N, C-alpha and C. Protein backbone atom coordinates (compact mmCIF):
# COMPACT_ATOMS: atom_id res chain seq x y z
N MET A 1 106.11 39.23 46.94
CA MET A 1 105.75 39.86 48.17
C MET A 1 106.10 41.34 48.07
N ALA A 2 105.12 42.18 48.49
CA ALA A 2 105.33 43.62 48.40
C ALA A 2 106.22 44.09 49.53
N ARG A 3 107.07 44.99 49.20
CA ARG A 3 108.00 45.49 50.20
C ARG A 3 107.58 46.90 50.61
N GLU A 4 107.57 47.13 51.95
CA GLU A 4 107.20 48.45 52.44
C GLU A 4 108.37 49.39 52.26
N PRO A 5 108.10 50.66 52.01
CA PRO A 5 109.20 51.61 51.83
C PRO A 5 109.98 51.79 53.13
N ASP A 6 111.26 52.01 53.00
CA ASP A 6 112.11 52.21 54.17
C ASP A 6 112.02 53.67 54.59
N ASN A 7 111.44 53.89 55.77
CA ASN A 7 111.30 55.27 56.24
C ASN A 7 112.35 55.61 57.30
N GLY A 8 113.25 54.69 57.59
CA GLY A 8 114.32 54.95 58.53
C GLY A 8 113.90 54.84 59.99
N VAL A 9 112.64 54.47 60.24
CA VAL A 9 112.17 54.39 61.61
C VAL A 9 112.27 52.97 62.13
N GLY A 10 112.07 52.01 61.30
CA GLY A 10 112.10 50.62 61.74
C GLY A 10 110.70 50.16 62.12
N PRO A 11 110.61 48.93 62.62
CA PRO A 11 109.28 48.41 62.95
C PRO A 11 108.66 49.18 64.13
N VAL A 12 107.35 49.28 64.07
CA VAL A 12 106.61 49.98 65.11
C VAL A 12 105.71 48.99 65.81
N ARG A 13 105.75 48.97 67.12
CA ARG A 13 104.88 48.09 67.88
C ARG A 13 103.74 48.92 68.46
N LEU A 14 102.54 48.41 68.31
CA LEU A 14 101.37 49.07 68.87
C LEU A 14 100.96 48.37 70.15
N ARG A 15 100.60 49.13 71.14
CA ARG A 15 100.08 48.54 72.36
C ARG A 15 98.86 49.35 72.80
N PRO A 16 98.00 48.71 73.57
CA PRO A 16 96.78 49.42 74.00
C PRO A 16 97.14 50.65 74.83
N VAL A 17 96.34 51.68 74.67
CA VAL A 17 96.53 52.91 75.41
C VAL A 17 95.71 52.85 76.69
N GLU A 18 96.33 53.18 77.81
CA GLU A 18 95.59 53.24 79.06
C GLU A 18 94.66 54.44 79.01
N SER A 19 93.62 54.39 79.83
CA SER A 19 92.69 55.52 79.83
C SER A 19 93.42 56.78 80.26
N ALA A 20 93.03 57.89 79.66
CA ALA A 20 93.66 59.16 79.97
C ALA A 20 93.25 59.62 81.36
N PRO A 21 94.13 60.27 82.06
CA PRO A 21 93.76 60.77 83.39
C PRO A 21 92.68 61.84 83.27
N SER A 22 91.81 61.90 84.26
CA SER A 22 90.77 62.92 84.22
C SER A 22 91.41 64.28 84.46
N ILE A 23 90.86 65.27 83.81
CA ILE A 23 91.39 66.62 83.91
C ILE A 23 90.38 67.45 84.67
N SER A 24 90.81 68.02 85.76
CA SER A 24 89.89 68.85 86.52
C SER A 24 89.97 70.28 85.99
N PRO A 25 88.84 70.99 86.04
CA PRO A 25 88.85 72.36 85.53
C PRO A 25 89.71 73.26 86.42
N THR A 26 90.25 74.28 85.81
CA THR A 26 91.03 75.23 86.59
C THR A 26 90.08 76.13 87.37
N ASP A 27 90.62 76.87 88.30
CA ASP A 27 89.78 77.79 89.07
C ASP A 27 89.04 78.76 88.16
N GLU A 28 89.71 79.20 87.09
CA GLU A 28 89.10 80.17 86.20
C GLU A 28 87.88 79.59 85.47
N ALA A 29 87.94 78.30 85.15
CA ALA A 29 86.88 77.68 84.37
C ALA A 29 85.87 76.94 85.26
N ALA A 30 86.05 76.97 86.55
CA ALA A 30 85.16 76.22 87.45
C ALA A 30 83.73 76.73 87.34
N ALA A 31 82.81 75.80 87.43
CA ALA A 31 81.40 76.15 87.36
C ALA A 31 80.96 76.79 88.66
N PRO A 32 80.00 77.70 88.58
CA PRO A 32 79.49 78.31 89.82
C PRO A 32 78.70 77.29 90.62
N PRO A 33 78.49 77.55 91.90
CA PRO A 33 77.68 76.62 92.70
C PRO A 33 76.24 76.61 92.18
N ALA A 34 75.52 75.55 92.47
CA ALA A 34 74.14 75.41 91.99
C ALA A 34 73.19 76.27 92.82
N LEU A 35 72.35 77.02 92.13
CA LEU A 35 71.34 77.82 92.79
C LEU A 35 70.18 76.91 93.16
N VAL A 36 69.84 76.83 94.45
CA VAL A 36 68.78 75.93 94.89
C VAL A 36 67.59 76.66 95.51
N GLY A 37 67.71 77.96 95.72
CA GLY A 37 66.59 78.68 96.29
C GLY A 37 66.85 80.16 96.40
N ILE A 38 65.76 80.90 96.63
CA ILE A 38 65.81 82.33 96.88
C ILE A 38 64.98 82.59 98.13
N ALA A 39 65.57 83.21 99.13
CA ALA A 39 64.84 83.59 100.34
C ALA A 39 64.53 85.08 100.26
N VAL A 40 63.32 85.45 100.68
CA VAL A 40 62.91 86.85 100.63
C VAL A 40 62.49 87.29 102.02
N GLN A 41 62.99 88.44 102.44
CA GLN A 41 62.64 89.00 103.73
C GLN A 41 62.17 90.43 103.53
N GLU A 42 61.03 90.77 104.11
CA GLU A 42 60.54 92.14 104.05
C GLU A 42 61.29 92.97 105.08
N THR A 43 61.83 94.10 104.64
CA THR A 43 62.56 94.99 105.53
C THR A 43 61.96 96.40 105.41
N PRO A 44 62.30 97.30 106.30
CA PRO A 44 61.82 98.69 106.16
C PRO A 44 62.25 99.33 104.85
N ASN A 45 63.34 98.82 104.25
CA ASN A 45 63.83 99.36 102.98
C ASN A 45 63.33 98.60 101.77
N GLY A 46 62.41 97.67 101.96
CA GLY A 46 61.90 96.86 100.85
C GLY A 46 62.30 95.41 101.02
N ARG A 47 62.18 94.65 99.96
CA ARG A 47 62.50 93.23 100.00
C ARG A 47 64.01 93.00 99.91
N ALA A 48 64.49 92.14 100.79
CA ALA A 48 65.89 91.72 100.74
C ALA A 48 65.91 90.27 100.28
N ARG A 49 66.57 90.03 99.17
CA ARG A 49 66.65 88.68 98.62
C ARG A 49 68.00 88.06 98.92
N THR A 50 67.97 86.79 99.29
CA THR A 50 69.17 86.02 99.57
C THR A 50 69.16 84.79 98.68
N ALA A 51 70.24 84.58 97.94
CA ALA A 51 70.36 83.40 97.10
C ALA A 51 70.90 82.25 97.94
N VAL A 52 70.37 81.05 97.68
CA VAL A 52 70.79 79.85 98.40
C VAL A 52 71.48 78.93 97.40
N PHE A 53 72.74 78.56 97.68
CA PHE A 53 73.53 77.75 96.76
C PHE A 53 73.94 76.43 97.40
N MET A 54 74.12 75.42 96.57
CA MET A 54 74.68 74.14 96.99
C MET A 54 76.01 73.99 96.28
N THR A 55 77.09 73.82 97.07
CA THR A 55 78.41 73.67 96.48
C THR A 55 78.63 72.23 96.03
N THR A 56 79.69 72.00 95.30
CA THR A 56 80.01 70.64 94.85
C THR A 56 80.37 69.74 96.01
N ASP A 57 80.73 70.34 97.15
CA ASP A 57 81.04 69.57 98.36
C ASP A 57 79.79 69.27 99.19
N GLY A 58 78.61 69.72 98.72
CA GLY A 58 77.39 69.50 99.45
C GLY A 58 77.11 70.53 100.53
N GLU A 59 77.88 71.59 100.57
CA GLU A 59 77.68 72.65 101.55
C GLU A 59 76.63 73.63 101.03
N VAL A 60 75.88 74.24 101.94
CA VAL A 60 74.89 75.25 101.58
C VAL A 60 75.48 76.62 101.88
N GLU A 61 75.35 77.53 100.90
CA GLU A 61 75.83 78.90 101.08
C GLU A 61 74.66 79.86 100.87
N PHE A 62 74.58 80.87 101.72
CA PHE A 62 73.59 81.93 101.59
C PHE A 62 74.34 83.21 101.26
N ALA A 63 73.87 83.97 100.27
CA ALA A 63 74.57 85.20 99.92
C ALA A 63 73.61 86.21 99.30
N GLN A 64 73.85 87.47 99.65
CA GLN A 64 73.10 88.57 99.06
C GLN A 64 73.99 89.30 98.07
N THR A 65 73.40 90.23 97.34
CA THR A 65 74.12 91.02 96.35
C THR A 65 75.38 91.63 96.98
N GLY A 66 76.50 91.49 96.27
CA GLY A 66 77.77 92.05 96.71
C GLY A 66 78.66 91.07 97.45
N LEU A 67 78.10 89.94 97.90
CA LEU A 67 78.91 88.96 98.63
C LEU A 67 79.47 87.92 97.68
N SER A 68 80.44 87.14 98.15
CA SER A 68 81.05 86.12 97.29
C SER A 68 80.61 84.73 97.71
N VAL A 69 80.65 83.82 96.73
CA VAL A 69 80.31 82.40 96.93
C VAL A 69 81.29 81.56 96.15
N GLY A 70 81.16 80.24 96.30
CA GLY A 70 82.01 79.34 95.53
C GLY A 70 83.47 79.45 95.92
N GLY A 71 83.74 79.50 97.21
CA GLY A 71 85.13 79.60 97.65
C GLY A 71 85.77 80.93 97.30
N GLY A 72 84.94 81.97 97.15
CA GLY A 72 85.47 83.29 96.81
C GLY A 72 85.72 83.49 95.33
N ARG A 73 85.31 82.53 94.49
CA ARG A 73 85.53 82.65 93.04
C ARG A 73 84.50 83.53 92.35
N PHE A 74 83.29 83.67 92.96
CA PHE A 74 82.21 84.40 92.32
C PHE A 74 81.65 85.46 93.26
N ARG A 75 81.23 86.59 92.69
CA ARG A 75 80.55 87.65 93.44
C ARG A 75 79.12 87.72 92.94
N ILE A 76 78.18 87.88 93.88
CA ILE A 76 76.78 88.01 93.51
C ILE A 76 76.55 89.42 92.98
N SER A 77 76.16 89.52 91.73
CA SER A 77 75.89 90.82 91.12
C SER A 77 74.45 91.25 91.36
N ASN A 78 73.53 90.28 91.35
CA ASN A 78 72.11 90.59 91.51
C ASN A 78 71.37 89.33 91.92
N VAL A 79 70.36 89.49 92.78
CA VAL A 79 69.47 88.39 93.14
C VAL A 79 68.06 88.84 92.78
N THR A 80 67.38 88.07 91.95
CA THR A 80 66.01 88.38 91.53
C THR A 80 65.05 87.39 92.18
N ALA A 81 63.77 87.53 91.86
CA ALA A 81 62.77 86.63 92.44
C ALA A 81 62.97 85.19 92.00
N ASP A 82 63.59 84.97 90.84
CA ASP A 82 63.75 83.60 90.34
C ASP A 82 65.16 83.24 89.89
N GLY A 83 66.15 84.03 90.31
CA GLY A 83 67.52 83.70 89.90
C GLY A 83 68.56 84.61 90.50
N ALA A 84 69.78 84.42 90.04
CA ALA A 84 70.91 85.22 90.52
C ALA A 84 71.92 85.38 89.39
N VAL A 85 72.63 86.49 89.44
CA VAL A 85 73.69 86.77 88.47
C VAL A 85 75.00 86.78 89.23
N LEU A 86 75.95 85.95 88.77
CA LEU A 86 77.26 85.84 89.41
C LEU A 86 78.34 86.30 88.45
N VAL A 87 79.40 86.87 89.00
CA VAL A 87 80.56 87.29 88.21
C VAL A 87 81.76 86.50 88.68
N ASN A 88 82.45 85.85 87.73
CA ASN A 88 83.69 85.14 88.04
C ASN A 88 84.75 86.20 88.31
N LEU A 89 85.31 86.18 89.52
CA LEU A 89 86.24 87.24 89.91
C LEU A 89 87.59 87.17 89.21
N LYS A 90 87.94 86.03 88.63
CA LYS A 90 89.21 85.92 87.90
C LYS A 90 89.07 86.26 86.43
N THR A 91 87.95 85.85 85.82
CA THR A 91 87.80 86.04 84.38
C THR A 91 86.83 87.15 84.01
N GLY A 92 85.97 87.54 84.94
CA GLY A 92 84.95 88.54 84.63
C GLY A 92 83.73 87.96 83.93
N ALA A 93 83.74 86.64 83.69
CA ALA A 93 82.61 86.00 83.00
C ALA A 93 81.37 86.09 83.89
N ILE A 94 80.23 86.26 83.25
CA ILE A 94 78.96 86.39 83.94
C ILE A 94 78.17 85.09 83.82
N ALA A 95 77.64 84.62 84.95
CA ALA A 95 76.80 83.42 84.96
C ALA A 95 75.41 83.84 85.45
N ARG A 96 74.40 83.59 84.61
CA ARG A 96 73.02 83.88 84.99
C ARG A 96 72.36 82.55 85.39
N LEU A 97 72.04 82.43 86.66
CA LEU A 97 71.46 81.19 87.18
C LEU A 97 69.98 81.41 87.45
N SER A 98 69.15 80.43 87.14
CA SER A 98 67.73 80.55 87.43
C SER A 98 67.25 79.29 88.12
N LEU A 99 66.20 79.47 88.92
CA LEU A 99 65.61 78.32 89.59
C LEU A 99 64.87 77.49 88.56
N GLN A 100 64.92 76.19 88.70
CA GLN A 100 64.28 75.31 87.72
C GLN A 100 63.03 74.70 88.28
């Protein structure tokens, strides 16, 4: 009978591992709200575009350039005819969202 080398640890018992707890993203890594529409209004100064977002909580947010969304985590940098550019206020990361 073959003898296992003595590593000084002794016998090891294996048991099943429970599933790992889910890890929620930090505020810095949180995804921006989903862009669901662009509203356009004609004004004396030209077209004013408003981005329409759906949050993860199912809330609808309306925001124009310069305003914040996503619980204050993102600032709207630009709203175009088919998308919006958001800046993460903690990391400076840029998210370019487009309508699908």
